[in-house]
Amino acid sequence: MEWIKECITSSRLSVLVNGAPIGELSPQRGLRQGDSLSHFLFNIAAEGLSILLSRALDMDLIKWVKIGACGVVLTHLQFADDFILLCEAEVLEVRNLKRILRCFELLSENCQLKVGNGHRVKFLMDKWCENISLKDEFPLLYRLVVNKGESFSAMMERKVDTSEWLFQFKRELYDWESVEVTRLIGFLEACSVFRSSLQDTLVWEASKTGRFTVESVYKFLAGGFGSYSRTSKRVWVKYIPPRVQFFGCLAWKGKIKTTDFLLWIGVLNVNASTLYIPYKSVDESLNHVLLSCPVTWRVWSEILNWWGVHGVLPDTKEAILHWWAKFRLSKKERMMWEALPITVLWSVWKHRNECLFRDVIPNVEGVCDRIKFRMDVWFKEVFKDNKFTMHDFLFNLKHIRFCLGGGARAVL
C-alpha cells in the first residue's frame, strides 16, 4: 500500500495542449480505471473473498466447474467491478455461496478506522467517524472540494493553525450549499478525534477488545447481527411482493427519491421547488411523506384503529418497525401484523405519486381501503383454508383475527 501511495503522490503529470506540454501537475483523485497500479489494489481487496471461496471448495461446501478441453477448474471470475460465481444448480450450493458472501460482507462492514495521527486516513473518503464516509453523507460538497484525497492530519493541521475547519472549493458556494457546510462542521465537531501520538489503526467492531477473533465472529453471527438484522427481518417480510419488500428497504435506508433527496444528490436544479405536492407549504422529505404529513398521519391512525391498537407512533421509520414488533399476537396474526407497516409505507408512497403525476386529491379513506385490499390479495393465498372475503378485510377484521387464533386487540 505504501509503495502504491508513493507512486501516486510523488509522480507528476503533464497534459499536451495543441501538441505542446503545459505545466506539471500532481494527481489528486487516486487511481482511475485502467491504471496499471489499479490491479494491485484490486488484488488486495478481492484476495479475501478468493481465500474464502478456496476454503469452501476444500471443505466441499461448493463444487468447481471444469471449462474447455484442458479441464480448467474455476469457482469464480473477477475483473474490475465484475464478479461471476460458478456453481452447480443446487439449492444447498447456492445457499453456501450466499453464506460466504455474507461472511465477506461482515469482514468489510465490521472493520472501522480508529484515528490516531491521521496520516493514513482520507478525511472525506474513509469511514473514520461513526462508520460514516463524509463523501457519502455530503455528496454535493464532495463534488466541489478541490483536494478530495486529503488526509485527516492535513485537515487537522489547518484547523490548529486557523482554529476553524477550512475547505477549498472549486467555486463560490450558493446559500443552500453554505447550509450544508454548516451541517458538516457541526457533524465534525461532534465526532472528530485526533491522537497525534498514536498510529491510525483498524478496529474489529464485533469484539470488545477491537481485535479480530473467530470467537467474536461466532458470537456476532449467533446474536443475529445486532439491531441491523432485527430491522432487516421486519423489512423483508416474505408474505408481500418482492417489489414492496425492496421499497421498504429503500425507505428504511433513506434512499427514496423525494425532492429533497434529489436536490441533495444534485439531480434537481438549485432553483427547483422542493415543496410537498399536496400542500405546497413544507419541504418534501422522506419522513414527512411517510410519517408526519397530516394525510399520512391520519392513515396510520386509521389503520391502527382498524386493528384495534391505540398508541403514539415513534417519529422514525426504523423506530416504528421496532415498536411494531413489541405486540403479543398469535403466530398467524403476526404474519399479517408484520406485513402491515411496509404495506402502509408502500400505499402512502403510491398515493403521493398519484397526487404528483395524476393530480389526484389526497384521500385518507381511499388509501386505507387500498391497504386493506392489498392485505386481502396478498394473504388470501396464505390463509386459503379460511376462505376470507374482501368484505371481511374491509369491515370484519375481528372475525379474521379470531379465526387465526387471536383476540380482538393487539397486546403490548
Protein backbone atom coordinates (compact mmCIF):
# COMPACT_ATOMS: atom_id res chain seq x y z
CA MET A 1 0.00 0.00 0.00
CA GLU A 2 2.82 2.40 0.88
CA TRP A 3 4.53 1.58 -2.42
CA ILE A 4 1.35 2.31 -4.40
CA LYS A 5 0.77 5.51 -2.44
CA GLU A 6 4.34 6.65 -3.13
CA CYS A 7 3.89 6.03 -6.86
CA ILE A 8 0.82 8.27 -6.86
CA THR A 9 1.90 11.11 -4.58
CA SER A 10 5.44 11.51 -5.90
CA SER A 11 4.60 11.37 -9.62
CA ARG A 12 3.96 14.36 -11.87
CA LEU A 13 1.77 14.60 -14.96
CA SER A 14 1.75 16.92 -17.93
CA VAL A 15 -1.04 17.39 -20.46
CA LEU A 16 -0.45 18.07 -24.15
CA VAL A 17 -2.41 21.08 -25.45
CA ASN A 18 -2.16 21.53 -29.24
CA GLY A 19 0.87 19.24 -29.17
CA ALA A 20 2.76 21.25 -26.53
CA PRO A 21 3.06 20.16 -22.84
CA ILE A 22 1.70 22.53 -20.20
CA GLY A 23 3.00 22.85 -16.65
CA GLU A 24 3.28 19.76 -14.45
CA LEU A 25 0.52 18.80 -12.05
CA SER A 26 0.19 16.32 -9.22
CA PRO A 27 -2.67 13.71 -9.36
CA GLN A 28 -5.22 14.22 -6.57
CA ARG A 29 -8.01 11.71 -7.31
CA GLY A 30 -6.28 8.37 -6.69
CA LEU A 31 -6.22 5.62 -9.30
CA ARG A 32 -8.51 5.60 -12.31
CA GLN A 33 -9.84 2.53 -14.10
CA GLY A 34 -7.21 1.24 -16.48
CA ASP A 35 -4.28 2.48 -14.38
CA SER A 36 -1.58 -0.21 -14.26
CA LEU A 37 -1.47 0.10 -10.47
CA SER A 38 -5.21 -0.47 -10.01
CA HIS A 39 -4.76 -4.23 -10.39
CA PHE A 40 -2.68 -4.32 -7.20
CA LEU A 41 -5.36 -2.52 -5.20
CA PHE A 42 -7.98 -4.83 -6.67
CA ASN A 43 -5.98 -7.88 -5.59
CA ILE A 44 -5.68 -6.58 -2.04
CA ALA A 45 -9.44 -6.09 -1.73
CA ALA A 46 -10.51 -9.24 -3.60
CA GLU A 47 -7.96 -11.67 -2.17
CA GLY A 48 -10.01 -12.18 1.00
CA LEU A 49 -13.06 -13.32 -0.95
CA SER A 50 -10.94 -15.63 -3.11
CA ILE A 51 -9.50 -17.24 0.03
CA LEU A 52 -13.00 -17.79 1.46
CA LEU A 53 -14.12 -19.47 -1.78
CA SER A 54 -10.99 -21.65 -1.90
CA ARG A 55 -11.56 -22.79 1.70
CA ALA A 56 -15.20 -23.57 0.90
CA LEU A 57 -14.05 -25.65 -2.08
CA ASP A 58 -11.59 -27.59 0.11
CA MET A 59 -14.39 -28.27 2.62
CA ASP A 60 -16.69 -29.49 -0.19
CA LEU A 61 -19.23 -26.73 0.51
CA ILE A 62 -19.18 -25.70 -3.14
CA LYS A 63 -18.13 -27.51 -6.32
CA TRP A 64 -15.82 -26.33 -9.05
CA VAL A 65 -16.65 -26.11 -12.76
CA LYS A 66 -14.39 -27.51 -15.48
CA ILE A 67 -14.16 -25.41 -18.63
CA GLY A 68 -12.65 -26.26 -22.01
CA ALA A 69 -10.81 -29.29 -23.37
CA CYS A 70 -7.98 -28.80 -20.88
CA GLY A 71 -10.41 -29.01 -17.96
CA VAL A 72 -9.58 -25.66 -16.35
CA VAL A 73 -11.08 -25.64 -12.85
CA LEU A 74 -12.93 -22.44 -11.83
CA THR A 75 -15.06 -21.32 -8.90
CA HIS A 76 -15.23 -17.62 -9.79
CA LEU A 77 -14.04 -14.94 -12.19
CA GLN A 78 -13.19 -11.37 -11.19
CA PHE A 79 -12.30 -8.30 -13.19
CA ALA A 80 -12.65 -4.67 -12.08
CA ASP A 81 -16.14 -4.40 -10.54
CA ASP A 82 -17.42 -7.51 -12.35
CA PHE A 83 -17.74 -10.78 -10.43
CA ILE A 84 -19.03 -14.15 -11.69
CA LEU A 85 -19.67 -17.05 -9.30
CA LEU A 86 -19.74 -20.55 -10.81
CA CYS A 87 -21.54 -23.45 -9.15
CA GLU A 88 -23.91 -26.33 -9.79
CA ALA A 89 -27.64 -25.65 -9.95
CA GLU A 90 -28.36 -26.93 -6.44
CA VAL A 91 -30.19 -25.06 -3.69
CA LEU A 92 -27.69 -26.08 -0.99
CA GLU A 93 -24.74 -24.85 -3.01
CA VAL A 94 -26.40 -21.50 -3.72
CA ARG A 95 -27.12 -21.12 -0.01
CA ASN A 96 -23.48 -21.84 0.82
CA LEU A 97 -22.36 -19.19 -1.67
CA LYS A 98 -24.75 -16.72 -0.06
CA ARG A 99 -23.26 -17.51 3.36
CA ILE A 100 -19.73 -16.97 2.02
CA LEU A 101 -20.70 -13.57 0.59
CA ARG A 102 -22.32 -12.64 3.90
CA CYS A 103 -19.10 -13.53 5.77
CA PHE A 104 -17.11 -11.35 3.37
CA GLU A 105 -19.59 -8.51 3.93
CA LEU A 106 -19.24 -8.90 7.70
CA LEU A 107 -15.48 -8.64 7.46
CA SER A 108 -15.88 -5.46 5.43
CA GLU A 109 -18.57 -3.68 7.45
CA ASN A 110 -17.27 -4.52 10.95
CA CYS A 111 -13.83 -3.01 10.45
CA GLN A 112 -13.70 0.66 11.41
CA LEU A 113 -10.86 3.15 11.28
CA LYS A 114 -9.62 4.44 14.61
CA VAL A 115 -7.94 7.78 14.01
CA GLY A 116 -4.51 8.30 15.53
CA ASN A 117 -2.22 10.86 13.92
CA GLY A 118 -4.43 10.86 10.79
CA HIS A 119 -1.62 10.27 8.27
CA ARG A 120 -3.24 7.16 6.76
CA VAL A 121 -6.86 8.32 6.96
CA LYS A 122 -8.52 10.04 3.99
CA PHE A 123 -10.60 12.83 5.53
CA LEU A 124 -13.50 12.72 3.07
CA MET A 125 -13.29 9.18 1.72
CA ASP A 126 -12.65 6.91 4.71
CA LYS A 127 -15.27 5.88 7.29
CA TRP A 128 -13.47 7.28 10.33
CA CYS A 129 -16.43 8.94 12.10
CA GLU A 130 -19.24 6.67 13.35
CA ASN A 131 -18.51 4.38 10.37
CA ILE A 132 -19.77 7.11 8.01
CA SER A 133 -17.91 8.41 4.96
CA LEU A 134 -18.18 12.19 4.55
CA LYS A 135 -18.33 11.85 0.77
CA ASP A 136 -21.49 9.73 1.16
CA GLU A 137 -23.06 11.94 3.83
CA PHE A 138 -22.28 15.21 1.99
CA PRO A 139 -22.13 14.26 -1.74
CA LEU A 140 -22.70 17.78 -3.09
CA LEU A 141 -19.83 19.26 -1.09
CA TYR A 142 -17.62 16.34 -2.04
CA ARG A 143 -18.09 17.19 -5.72
CA LEU A 144 -16.98 20.77 -5.10
CA VAL A 145 -13.92 20.09 -2.93
CA VAL A 146 -10.60 20.54 -4.73
CA ASN A 147 -8.46 18.03 -2.82
CA LYS A 148 -10.71 15.00 -2.37
CA GLY A 149 -7.96 12.69 -1.16
CA GLU A 150 -6.60 15.00 1.55
CA SER A 151 -5.53 13.26 4.74
CA PHE A 152 -7.10 13.75 8.14
CA SER A 153 -3.80 15.04 9.54
CA ALA A 154 -3.57 17.79 6.88
CA MET A 155 -7.08 18.99 7.72
CA MET A 156 -6.27 19.00 11.42
CA GLU A 157 -3.07 20.98 10.87
CA ARG A 158 -5.08 23.71 9.11
CA LYS A 159 -7.64 23.66 11.90
CA VAL A 160 -4.93 24.05 14.55
CA ASP A 161 -3.42 27.00 12.65
CA THR A 162 -6.71 28.80 11.98
CA SER A 163 -8.98 27.46 14.77
CA GLU A 164 -11.64 26.53 12.20
CA TRP A 165 -12.39 23.93 9.56
CA LEU A 166 -11.23 25.20 6.16
CA PHE A 167 -12.28 23.66 2.84
CA GLN A 168 -11.10 24.56 -0.65
CA PHE A 169 -13.98 24.58 -3.14
CA LYS A 170 -13.88 24.93 -6.92
CA ARG A 171 -16.22 27.93 -6.90
CA GLU A 172 -18.28 30.23 -4.70
CA LEU A 173 -20.97 28.37 -2.79
CA TYR A 174 -24.69 29.02 -3.10
CA ASP A 175 -26.62 29.82 0.08
CA TRP A 176 -28.10 26.33 0.35
CA GLU A 177 -24.60 24.83 -0.12
CA SER A 178 -23.32 27.02 2.71
CA VAL A 179 -26.03 25.48 4.88
CA GLU A 180 -24.54 22.07 4.08
CA VAL A 181 -21.11 23.35 5.14
CA THR A 182 -22.58 24.45 8.47
CA ARG A 183 -24.09 20.98 8.90
CA LEU A 184 -20.75 19.39 8.03
CA ILE A 185 -18.89 21.48 10.61
CA GLY A 186 -21.44 20.56 13.28
CA PHE A 187 -21.01 16.90 12.34
CA LEU A 188 -17.22 17.17 12.61
CA GLU A 189 -17.26 18.96 15.97
CA ALA A 190 -19.39 16.15 17.38
CA CYS A 191 -17.12 13.30 16.31
CA SER A 192 -13.58 14.46 15.46
CA VAL A 193 -10.90 12.70 17.50
CA PHE A 194 -7.19 13.35 16.98
CA ARG A 195 -4.43 11.39 18.73
CA SER A 196 -1.16 12.73 17.32
CA SER A 197 0.97 10.34 19.39
CA LEU A 198 -0.70 7.16 18.04
CA GLN A 199 -0.81 5.42 14.70
CA ASP A 200 -4.05 5.02 12.72
CA THR A 201 -5.44 1.52 13.23
CA LEU A 202 -8.27 -0.75 12.09
CA VAL A 203 -10.69 -1.88 14.81
CA TRP A 204 -12.82 -5.03 14.65
CA GLU A 205 -16.16 -3.78 15.99
CA ALA A 206 -17.61 -7.21 16.74
CA SER A 207 -15.10 -7.65 19.56
CA LYS A 208 -14.84 -5.62 22.78
CA THR A 209 -11.05 -5.60 22.50
CA GLY A 210 -11.14 -4.37 18.90
CA ARG A 211 -9.12 -7.39 17.76
CA PHE A 212 -10.37 -9.99 15.32
CA THR A 213 -11.00 -13.47 16.72
CA VAL A 214 -13.00 -16.44 15.43
CA GLU A 215 -14.94 -16.44 18.71
CA SER A 216 -16.09 -12.84 18.17
CA VAL A 217 -17.38 -13.70 14.68
CA TYR A 218 -19.28 -16.70 16.05
CA LYS A 219 -20.90 -14.62 18.80
CA PHE A 220 -21.79 -11.89 16.31
CA LEU A 221 -23.43 -14.41 13.97
CA ALA A 222 -25.20 -16.19 16.83
CA GLY A 223 -26.57 -12.84 18.02
CA GLY A 224 -28.31 -12.24 14.69
CA PHE A 225 -26.03 -9.38 13.51
CA GLY A 226 -27.36 -6.99 16.17
CA SER A 227 -30.04 -4.35 15.63
CA TYR A 228 -29.27 -4.21 11.90
CA SER A 229 -30.60 -7.75 11.44
CA ARG A 230 -33.66 -7.16 13.62
CA THR A 231 -34.68 -4.23 11.44
CA SER A 232 -33.85 -6.13 8.25
CA LYS A 233 -36.15 -9.02 9.23
CA ARG A 234 -39.02 -6.58 9.74
CA VAL A 235 -38.47 -5.08 6.29
CA TRP A 236 -38.09 -8.28 4.26
CA VAL A 237 -41.49 -9.83 5.04
CA LYS A 238 -41.89 -12.89 2.81
CA TYR A 239 -45.69 -12.73 2.51
CA ILE A 240 -45.72 -9.50 0.48
CA PRO A 241 -44.46 -8.95 -3.12
CA PRO A 242 -40.69 -8.56 -3.60
CA ARG A 243 -41.04 -5.05 -5.06
CA VAL A 244 -42.84 -3.93 -1.87
CA GLN A 245 -40.13 -5.51 0.30
CA PHE A 246 -37.48 -3.71 -1.76
CA PHE A 247 -39.32 -0.42 -1.38
CA GLY A 248 -39.42 -0.99 2.40
CA CYS A 249 -35.65 -1.48 2.38
CA LEU A 250 -35.13 1.75 0.39
CA ALA A 251 -37.40 3.63 2.80
CA TRP A 252 -35.51 2.24 5.80
CA LYS A 253 -32.19 3.27 4.23
CA GLY A 254 -33.49 6.75 3.30
CA LYS A 255 -32.98 6.19 -0.45
CA ILE A 256 -36.48 7.03 -1.73
CA LYS A 257 -36.38 9.74 -4.39
CA THR A 258 -38.17 12.59 -2.63
CA THR A 259 -37.45 16.12 -3.87
CA ASP A 260 -35.06 16.91 -1.00
CA PHE A 261 -33.11 13.72 -1.77
CA LEU A 262 -32.89 14.58 -5.48
CA LEU A 263 -31.66 18.06 -4.58
CA TRP A 264 -29.15 16.59 -2.12
CA ILE A 265 -27.56 14.31 -4.74
CA GLY A 266 -27.55 17.07 -7.36
CA VAL A 267 -30.25 15.77 -9.73
CA LEU A 268 -32.58 18.76 -9.28
CA ASN A 269 -31.62 22.29 -10.20
CA VAL A 270 -30.86 24.54 -7.22
CA ASN A 271 -33.89 26.66 -8.12
CA ALA A 272 -36.32 23.70 -8.28
CA SER A 273 -39.22 23.64 -5.85
CA THR A 274 -38.93 21.13 -3.02
CA LEU A 275 -42.39 21.75 -1.57
CA TYR A 276 -44.58 18.74 -0.77
CA ILE A 277 -47.11 18.43 -3.61
CA PRO A 278 -50.44 18.02 -1.76
CA TYR A 279 -49.93 21.10 0.45
CA LYS A 280 -47.02 23.11 -1.03
CA SER A 281 -46.35 24.58 2.42
CA VAL A 282 -43.39 22.49 3.65
CA ASP A 283 -40.35 20.94 2.01
CA GLU A 284 -40.85 17.34 0.93
CA SER A 285 -38.70 14.97 2.96
CA LEU A 286 -38.99 11.19 3.34
CA ASN A 287 -40.08 11.40 6.98
CA HIS A 288 -42.70 14.00 6.11
CA VAL A 289 -44.16 11.98 3.23
CA LEU A 290 -44.23 8.63 5.02
CA LEU A 291 -44.84 9.65 8.64
CA SER A 292 -45.65 13.21 9.65
CA CYS A 293 -47.75 14.62 6.79
CA PRO A 294 -51.35 15.22 8.06
CA VAL A 295 -52.76 12.83 5.45
CA THR A 296 -50.17 10.17 6.25
CA TRP A 297 -50.63 10.58 10.00
CA ARG A 298 -54.38 10.03 9.63
CA VAL A 299 -53.74 6.92 7.50
CA TRP A 300 -51.51 5.43 10.23
CA SER A 301 -54.15 6.28 12.86
CA GLU A 302 -56.98 4.70 10.85
CA ILE A 303 -55.00 1.51 10.22
CA LEU A 304 -54.13 1.18 13.92
CA ASN A 305 -57.80 1.71 14.80
CA TRP A 306 -58.74 -0.92 12.21
CA TRP A 307 -56.51 -3.36 14.08
CA GLY A 308 -57.75 -2.18 17.49
CA VAL A 309 -54.47 -0.58 18.61
CA HIS A 310 -54.27 2.73 20.45
CA GLY A 311 -50.95 4.47 20.99
CA VAL A 312 -48.47 7.08 19.76
CA LEU A 313 -46.25 6.11 16.84
CA PRO A 314 -42.48 6.86 17.01
CA ASP A 315 -41.13 9.53 14.68
CA THR A 316 -38.73 7.45 12.55
CA LYS A 317 -39.28 4.54 10.19
CA GLU A 318 -36.85 2.23 11.99
CA ALA A 319 -38.35 3.05 15.40
CA ILE A 320 -41.84 2.25 14.06
CA LEU A 321 -40.65 -1.18 12.89
CA HIS A 322 -39.20 -1.93 16.34
CA TRP A 323 -42.33 -0.59 18.06
CA TRP A 324 -44.46 -2.77 15.78
CA ALA A 325 -42.64 -5.93 16.89
CA LYS A 326 -43.49 -5.46 20.60
CA PHE A 327 -47.11 -6.61 20.32
CA ARG A 328 -48.05 -10.10 21.50
CA LEU A 329 -50.08 -11.95 18.87
CA SER A 330 -50.81 -15.46 17.73
CA LYS A 331 -48.46 -16.88 15.11
CA LYS A 332 -50.88 -16.46 12.19
CA GLU A 333 -51.95 -12.99 13.33
CA ARG A 334 -48.32 -11.94 13.43
CA MET A 335 -47.92 -12.83 9.75
CA MET A 336 -50.41 -10.10 8.84
CA TRP A 337 -49.30 -7.67 11.55
CA GLU A 338 -45.64 -7.74 10.45
CA ALA A 339 -46.62 -7.04 6.84
CA LEU A 340 -48.82 -4.07 7.74
CA PRO A 341 -46.23 -1.25 8.27
CA ILE A 342 -44.45 -1.95 4.96
CA THR A 343 -47.84 -2.11 3.23
CA VAL A 344 -48.75 1.29 4.70
CA LEU A 345 -45.43 2.84 3.57
CA TRP A 346 -45.89 1.40 0.06
CA SER A 347 -49.50 2.59 -0.22
CA VAL A 348 -48.70 6.09 1.05
CA TRP A 349 -45.86 6.43 -1.46
CA LYS A 350 -48.06 5.21 -4.32
CA HIS A 351 -50.70 7.77 -3.32
CA ARG A 352 -48.06 10.51 -3.20
CA ASN A 353 -47.07 9.65 -6.80
CA GLU A 354 -50.71 9.77 -7.90
CA CYS A 355 -51.05 13.25 -6.37
CA LEU A 356 -47.83 14.33 -8.10
CA PHE A 357 -48.29 12.83 -11.57
CA ARG A 358 -52.08 12.47 -11.94
CA ASP A 359 -53.34 15.46 -9.92
CA VAL A 360 -55.27 13.15 -7.57
CA ILE A 361 -56.71 14.85 -4.47
CA PRO A 362 -55.32 13.43 -1.16
CA ASN A 363 -57.82 10.90 0.19
CA VAL A 364 -57.27 9.20 3.57
CA GLU A 365 -60.19 6.80 3.21
CA GLY A 366 -59.05 5.76 -0.27
CA VAL A 367 -55.51 4.99 0.91
CA CYS A 368 -56.82 2.94 3.87
CA ASP A 369 -59.11 0.93 1.59
CA ARG A 370 -56.20 0.17 -0.74
CA ILE A 371 -54.09 -1.01 2.21
CA LYS A 372 -56.86 -3.41 3.25
CA PHE A 373 -57.35 -4.52 -0.37
CA ARG A 374 -53.65 -5.30 -0.73
CA MET A 375 -53.63 -7.23 2.55
CA ASP A 376 -56.62 -9.24 1.25
CA VAL A 377 -54.94 -10.06 -2.09
CA TRP A 378 -51.57 -10.96 -0.54
CA PHE A 379 -52.89 -13.07 2.34
CA LYS A 380 -55.77 -14.92 0.70
CA GLU A 381 -53.28 -17.46 -0.60
CA VAL A 382 -51.50 -17.68 2.77
CA PHE A 383 -54.79 -18.37 4.60
CA LYS A 384 -56.57 -20.14 1.73
CA ASP A 385 -58.12 -22.73 4.07
CA ASN A 386 -60.07 -19.98 5.87
CA LYS A 387 -61.71 -18.55 2.73
CA PHE A 388 -61.75 -14.93 3.91
CA THR A 389 -63.61 -12.43 1.72
CA MET A 390 -62.83 -8.85 0.78
CA HIS A 391 -65.77 -7.79 2.98
CA ASP A 392 -64.06 -9.49 5.95
CA PHE A 393 -60.86 -7.50 5.42
CA LEU A 394 -62.70 -4.23 4.98
CA PHE A 395 -65.33 -4.47 7.72
CA ASN A 396 -64.78 -7.56 9.87
CA LEU A 397 -61.12 -7.83 10.83
CA LYS A 398 -62.14 -9.17 14.29
CA HIS A 399 -63.59 -12.25 12.60
CA ILE A 400 -60.35 -12.82 10.67
CA ARG A 401 -58.20 -12.46 13.78
CA PHE A 402 -60.49 -14.79 15.74
CA CYS A 403 -60.18 -17.45 13.03
CA LEU A 404 -56.40 -17.05 13.11
CA GLY A 405 -56.34 -17.85 16.82
CA GLY A 406 -56.05 -14.28 18.11
CA GLY A 407 -58.11 -11.86 20.12
CA ALA A 408 -59.83 -8.63 19.33
CA ARG A 409 -56.83 -6.45 20.20
CA ALA A 410 -53.07 -6.46 19.91
CA VAL A 411 -51.47 -6.52 23.35
CA LEU A 412 -48.17 -4.97 24.33
